[in-house]
C-alpha cells in the first residue's frame, strides 16, 4: 500500500528558513531539502535520508527545527 504523506506548510516554512540560514548544519540542510522535495508530491524518503533523520532525533543536541524536519521526513518513509 502506498503512503500519501506530504510535507505540510509548517514543515515547508521551517525547511525554507533552515536552507536560508548560513549557520544551519549539513544535517539540517539535508533534511530541509528532503522535506521540500516531498511537499505536494508522493515522493518517499530514501533509506539514507531516513538514517540521517533517525540519528538527528536520537542526538540530544539537535535543534527543534531539525527535529521537526527529521520527524516529517521519517513519517514519509516507506514501511518496506
Protein backbone atom coordinates (compact mmCIF):
# COMPACT_ATOMS: atom_id res chain seq x y z
CA UNK A 1 0.00 0.00 0.00
CA UNK A 2 1.42 3.38 -0.96
CA UNK A 3 1.60 6.20 1.57
CA UNK A 4 0.29 9.59 0.60
CA UNK A 5 2.02 11.69 3.27
CA UNK A 6 3.25 15.13 2.21
CA UNK A 7 5.20 17.86 3.97
CA UNK A 8 2.78 20.39 5.44
CA UNK A 9 3.05 24.17 5.36
CA UNK A 10 4.68 24.38 8.82
CA UNK A 11 7.39 21.95 7.76
CA UNK A 12 7.99 23.63 4.42
CA UNK A 13 8.32 27.03 6.12
CA UNK A 14 10.80 25.56 8.60
CA UNK A 15 12.73 23.92 5.76
CA UNK A 16 12.89 27.19 3.87
CA UNK A 17 14.25 29.02 6.92
CA UNK A 18 16.86 26.34 7.53
CA UNK A 19 18.07 26.43 3.93
CA UNK A 20 18.47 30.21 4.10
CA UNK A 21 20.33 30.06 7.43
CA UNK A 22 24.11 30.18 6.79
CA UNK A 23 24.73 28.70 10.25
CA UNK A 24 22.50 25.65 9.77
CA UNK A 25 24.18 22.26 9.96
CA UNK A 26 24.72 19.98 6.99
CA UNK A 27 22.24 17.54 8.53
CA UNK A 28 19.58 20.21 8.92
CA UNK A 29 20.03 21.37 5.33
CA UNK A 30 19.85 17.79 4.05
CA UNK A 31 16.61 17.15 5.91
CA UNK A 32 15.21 20.51 4.79
CA UNK A 33 15.91 19.68 1.16
CA UNK A 34 14.26 16.31 1.52
CA UNK A 35 11.18 17.80 3.21
CA UNK A 36 10.81 20.41 0.46
CA UNK A 37 11.23 17.79 -2.25
CA UNK A 38 8.37 15.83 -0.70
CA UNK A 39 6.00 18.78 -0.47
CA UNK A 40 2.96 18.43 -2.73
CA UNK A 41 4.30 15.15 -4.15
CA UNK A 42 4.07 11.45 -3.36
CA UNK A 43 7.86 11.09 -3.09
CA UNK A 44 9.08 8.97 -0.21
CA UNK A 45 12.17 9.21 1.98
CA UNK A 46 15.20 7.16 0.96
CA UNK A 47 16.91 4.79 3.37
CA UNK A 48 19.94 7.09 3.59
CA UNK A 49 17.88 10.16 4.45
CA UNK A 50 15.84 8.15 6.96
CA UNK A 51 19.10 7.17 8.68
CA UNK A 52 20.17 10.81 8.86
CA UNK A 53 16.77 11.74 10.31
CA UNK A 54 16.90 8.95 12.89
CA UNK A 55 20.38 10.00 14.04
CA UNK A 56 19.20 13.61 14.32
CA UNK A 57 16.26 12.59 16.51
CA UNK A 58 18.48 10.43 18.74
CA UNK A 59 21.07 13.18 19.24
CA UNK A 60 20.21 15.31 22.28
CA UNK A 61 21.98 18.35 20.80
CA UNK A 62 19.68 18.63 17.77
CA UNK A 63 17.76 21.90 17.38
CA UNK A 64 13.95 21.87 17.46
CA UNK A 65 13.73 22.90 13.80
CA UNK A 66 15.93 19.97 12.76
CA UNK A 67 13.82 17.61 14.88
CA UNK A 68 10.67 18.88 13.15
CA UNK A 69 12.21 18.19 9.75
CA UNK A 70 13.50 14.78 10.83
CA UNK A 71 10.08 13.75 12.09
CA UNK A 72 8.43 14.84 8.87
CA UNK A 73 10.97 13.02 6.74
CA UNK A 74 10.60 9.80 8.75
CA UNK A 75 6.80 9.99 8.51
CA UNK A 76 7.17 9.82 4.73
CA UNK A 77 9.42 6.74 4.72
CA UNK A 78 8.13 3.61 3.08
CA UNK A 79 7.42 0.78 5.55
CA UNK A 80 9.17 -1.76 3.28
